Structures are given as C-alpha cells and as structure tokens.
Protein backbone atom coordinates (compact mmCIF):
# COMPACT_ATOMS: atom_id res chain seq x y z
CA MET A 1 35.10 20.61 12.12
CA GLU A 2 36.36 18.17 14.79
CA ILE A 3 32.82 17.36 15.91
CA ARG A 4 31.90 16.29 12.36
CA SER A 5 34.91 13.98 12.12
CA ILE A 6 34.04 12.44 15.51
CA PHE A 7 30.47 11.77 14.29
CA THR A 8 31.85 10.28 11.09
CA ILE A 9 34.13 7.99 13.08
CA LEU A 10 31.29 7.00 15.40
CA LYS A 11 29.04 6.30 12.42
CA LYS A 12 31.71 4.06 10.82
CA ALA A 13 32.25 2.28 14.12
CA ALA A 14 28.52 1.65 14.44
CA VAL A 15 28.37 0.19 10.93
CA PHE A 16 31.42 -2.02 11.62
CA SER A 17 29.99 -3.26 14.92
CA SER A 18 26.66 -3.98 13.22
CA LEU A 19 28.49 -6.10 10.64
CA LEU A 20 30.29 -8.01 13.39
CA VAL A 21 27.01 -8.65 15.20
CA ALA A 22 25.39 -9.81 11.95
CA CYS A 23 28.28 -12.21 11.25
CA GLY A 24 28.04 -13.56 14.78
CA THR A 25 24.28 -13.96 14.41
CA ILE A 26 24.69 -15.88 11.14
CA SER A 27 27.37 -18.08 12.71
CA SER A 28 25.21 -18.86 15.75
CA ALA A 29 22.14 -19.30 13.55
CA GLN A 30 23.98 -22.05 11.66
CA LYS A 31 24.32 -23.96 14.90
CA LYS A 32 20.85 -23.28 16.33
CA LEU A 33 18.54 -23.23 13.29
CA PRO A 34 16.30 -26.31 13.62
CA ILE A 35 15.58 -26.49 9.89
CA ALA A 36 17.70 -26.34 6.75
CA ALA A 37 17.86 -23.07 4.85
CA GLU A 38 19.71 -22.01 1.76
CA VAL A 39 20.65 -18.72 0.14
CA TRP A 40 21.74 -18.57 -3.47
CA GLY A 41 22.66 -16.11 -6.21
CA GLY A 42 24.10 -16.00 -9.68
CA TYR A 43 23.72 -15.21 -13.38
CA SER A 44 20.39 -15.34 -15.22
CA TYR A 45 19.23 -15.12 -18.85
CA LEU A 46 15.66 -14.18 -19.83
CA ARG A 47 14.15 -14.68 -23.28
CA PHE A 48 11.34 -12.09 -23.20
CA GLU A 49 8.37 -12.20 -25.59
CA ALA A 50 8.56 -8.52 -26.59
CA THR A 51 6.77 -8.54 -29.95
CA LYS A 52 3.44 -8.13 -28.13
CA LEU A 53 4.77 -4.84 -26.73
CA GLY A 54 5.55 -3.42 -30.17
CA PHE A 55 9.20 -4.45 -30.47
CA ASN A 56 10.41 -5.98 -33.74
CA ASP A 57 11.75 -9.17 -32.15
CA GLN A 58 12.07 -11.08 -28.89
CA LEU A 59 14.46 -9.55 -26.34
CA ASN A 60 17.45 -11.33 -24.78
CA LEU A 61 17.96 -9.96 -21.28
CA ASN A 62 20.94 -10.75 -19.04
CA GLY A 63 21.01 -10.23 -15.31
CA TRP A 64 20.98 -11.90 -11.92
CA ASN A 65 18.79 -14.28 -9.95
CA GLY A 66 18.85 -15.12 -6.27
CA GLY A 67 16.73 -16.32 -3.46
CA VAL A 68 16.16 -17.96 -0.12
CA ALA A 69 14.60 -21.36 0.45
CA LEU A 70 13.50 -23.57 3.31
CA PRO A 71 13.80 -26.74 1.21
CA ASP A 72 12.64 -29.42 3.62
CA LEU A 73 9.81 -28.26 5.86
CA TYR A 74 7.98 -31.58 5.42
CA GLU A 75 9.39 -34.60 3.56
CA GLY A 76 11.00 -32.62 0.73
CA LEU A 77 8.28 -29.99 0.53
CA GLY A 78 9.41 -26.47 1.28
CA VAL A 79 9.05 -22.85 0.29
CA ALA A 80 11.22 -20.66 -1.94
CA VAL A 81 11.57 -16.92 -2.47
CA ASP A 82 12.99 -15.92 -5.85
CA ILE A 83 14.12 -12.43 -6.89
CA SER A 84 15.65 -11.56 -10.25
CA GLY A 85 16.61 -8.61 -12.44
CA HIS A 86 17.19 -8.70 -16.20
CA TYR A 87 18.43 -5.92 -18.45
CA THR A 88 18.90 -4.87 -22.05
CA GLY A 89 19.35 -1.49 -23.72
CA LEU A 90 15.60 -1.24 -24.38
CA MET A 91 14.04 -2.48 -21.14
CA GLU A 92 14.53 -4.10 -17.73
CA GLU A 93 12.44 -6.57 -15.76
CA TYR A 94 12.43 -7.42 -12.05
CA ASN A 95 10.61 -10.45 -10.62
CA PHE A 96 9.57 -10.96 -6.98
CA LEU A 97 8.19 -14.48 -6.50
CA ILE A 98 7.37 -16.93 -3.70
CA GLY A 99 5.86 -20.40 -3.65
CA PRO A 100 6.10 -24.10 -2.84
CA GLN A 101 9.14 -26.13 -3.82
CA TYR A 102 9.66 -29.89 -3.79
CA SER A 103 13.24 -31.20 -3.47
CA TYR A 104 14.78 -34.67 -3.62
CA LYS A 105 18.20 -36.26 -4.04
CA VAL A 106 19.34 -38.54 -6.86
CA LYS A 107 22.93 -39.89 -6.86
CA GLY A 108 24.06 -37.05 -4.59
CA MET A 109 22.56 -34.31 -6.76
CA GLY A 110 19.67 -32.19 -5.55
CA LEU A 111 16.72 -31.94 -7.91
CA TYR A 112 13.82 -29.61 -7.29
CA GLY A 113 10.66 -28.26 -8.86
CA HIS A 114 8.67 -25.20 -7.90
CA ALA A 115 5.61 -23.07 -8.66
CA LEU A 116 6.24 -19.42 -7.84
CA PHE A 117 3.76 -16.55 -7.76
CA GLY A 118 4.20 -12.83 -7.31
CA LYS A 119 4.86 -9.58 -9.13
CA ALA A 120 7.05 -8.33 -11.95
CA ARG A 121 8.09 -4.79 -12.78
CA ASP A 122 8.89 -3.94 -16.40
CA ARG A 123 10.51 -0.62 -17.21
CA LEU A 124 11.26 0.78 -20.66
CA ARG A 125 14.76 2.25 -20.75
CA GLN A 126 14.12 4.27 -23.91
CA PRO A 127 10.68 5.87 -23.63
CA GLY A 128 9.25 6.62 -27.05
CA THR A 129 10.46 3.30 -28.50
CA THR A 130 6.86 2.07 -28.31
CA ASN A 131 3.53 3.69 -27.44
CA LEU A 132 3.71 2.30 -23.87
CA GLU A 133 4.28 4.16 -20.63
CA PRO A 134 7.77 3.74 -19.13
CA SER A 135 6.90 1.34 -16.26
CA ASP A 136 4.38 -1.36 -15.31
CA LEU A 137 3.87 -3.51 -12.19
CA HIS A 138 1.91 -6.71 -12.83
CA LYS A 139 1.40 -10.33 -11.81
CA ALA A 140 3.95 -13.03 -12.61
CA VAL A 141 3.99 -16.82 -12.36
CA ALA A 142 6.95 -19.18 -12.81
CA PHE A 143 6.92 -22.97 -13.16
CA GLY A 144 10.25 -24.73 -13.24
CA GLY A 145 13.01 -26.49 -11.43
CA GLY A 146 16.68 -27.26 -11.44
CA VAL A 147 19.70 -29.32 -10.50
CA ASP A 148 22.11 -28.58 -7.64
CA ILE A 149 25.53 -30.27 -7.45
CA PRO A 150 27.16 -30.39 -3.99
CA VAL A 151 30.62 -28.82 -3.81
CA GLY A 152 31.21 -29.22 -0.09
CA GLU A 153 29.38 -29.63 3.16
CA ARG A 154 27.73 -26.19 3.03
CA PHE A 155 28.07 -25.18 -0.63
CA SER A 156 26.49 -26.35 -3.87
CA PHE A 157 26.61 -25.27 -7.49
CA ARG A 158 23.24 -24.59 -9.10
CA ALA A 159 24.01 -26.12 -12.50
CA ILE A 160 20.72 -24.97 -13.99
CA GLN A 161 17.42 -23.49 -12.96
CA ALA A 162 14.94 -23.34 -15.82
CA ASP A 163 11.63 -21.50 -15.49
CA TYR A 164 8.63 -20.94 -17.71
CA LEU A 165 7.79 -17.38 -16.65
CA ILE A 166 4.38 -15.92 -17.45
CA THR A 167 4.08 -12.15 -17.06
CA ASN A 168 1.37 -9.65 -17.89
CA ALA A 169 3.37 -6.53 -18.82
CA PHE A 170 1.38 -3.57 -20.07
CA ASN A 171 -1.84 -5.67 -20.10
CA THR A 172 -0.50 -8.22 -22.58
CA THR A 173 0.52 -11.75 -21.57
CA GLN A 174 4.10 -12.85 -22.25
CA HIS A 175 5.38 -16.44 -22.14
CA ASN A 176 9.09 -16.16 -21.32
CA LEU A 177 11.94 -18.57 -20.61
CA ARG A 178 14.42 -17.92 -17.81
CA PHE A 179 17.66 -19.85 -17.22
CA SER A 180 19.83 -19.26 -14.15
CA THR A 181 22.99 -20.63 -12.56
CA GLY A 182 24.88 -19.78 -9.39
CA LEU A 183 26.20 -20.76 -5.98
CA ILE A 184 24.22 -21.95 -2.96
CA PHE A 185 25.12 -21.61 0.71
CA ARG A 186 23.29 -23.93 3.14
CA PHE A 187 22.98 -23.46 6.86
CA GLY A 188 20.95 -24.89 9.70
CA LYS A 189 20.08 -28.57 10.09
CA ARG A 190 21.65 -30.82 7.45
C-alpha cells in the first residue's frame, strides 16, 4: 500500500516538474526565438450545408477554433495551422488545416488572409438519422481572413476570422461558412 502511494507521489512530482520545465522553455523561447509566432484560440460558429446529407435544413454548429502561425517568414508571408471542432445534437465536425497566410498592418490593426488545406472529420451523433455511416474523413479547404486588434505588447483580440470552408463529407461537397473569434498570444521577435 505504501509503495503505491510513493509511486503516485513520484508520478505527480514528475508531472509537476515537466510543467515547470515547459514553462521555463516557453519563457526562454520568447527571448531566443528569431521569428514571430502566435498561438490563438476561441469560439467558432459553423453554418454547415447539411441538406445534401439528407437533413431537412442547414445545421448551425457551435464550437472552438485555434491555431498556431508564423505570420512573418518573408515580408508578411507566413504559414498557419488551424484546428477546429463544431458540434450540434445531430453531428460534429473537426477540421485540421495548414497553409499560407499573408498579414499586414493598417492603423495598428492586423489584417490577414489565408488559404488552408487539409482534412475534416464528420461524425453523426445520432446514427439512423440518415442513411449515412456514422463517420467520414475527407478533404477540406478554407479561404478567408480576419482582423486582429492589439490589446497589449504580447496579446491581441481576434475580432473576426471568416472562412469559406469547402468539405467533401460522405462524398458530397458542402460549401460552409465559419466565423471565429478569440485571443492571440504572440512570442518571439516582434
């Protein structure tokens, strides 16, 4: 019994020390990273074209969106990774996208546009609602952009990110709209 509690304590200590090392690494990375990087996350809304899947109407899905970007690799041109999850009682969709992003500043605000490519996973939450199988992994493409408003030296508010998201769920093409908002943390070179 005592040996188990010692292993439990050691395991918790290892996790805590790993967190401390990670925080120290992030702190030192902020000072040493030669390029700018940003991490962001927040709320997202997806208007999903579900009538092609046998549903009576379009679906309104709520969820989250986040990502990592290297916004200025060469004169405003960078790369972005975008991950999102959207949910409703009938289905859920996850998007895993990456692609080029162009950023520029206007009156202190950051404007950007991107073209993202990758995969999407759609899963029916109530099998039997339609004649489709419960899950499908397929290609996805998003074209869009947004506006970032600086809040401080390292933080910004993503006022809006709007994307025209094309998916191919269950071998039918959907033309969806995605709107996201959230907070951005910047580190590295400013």
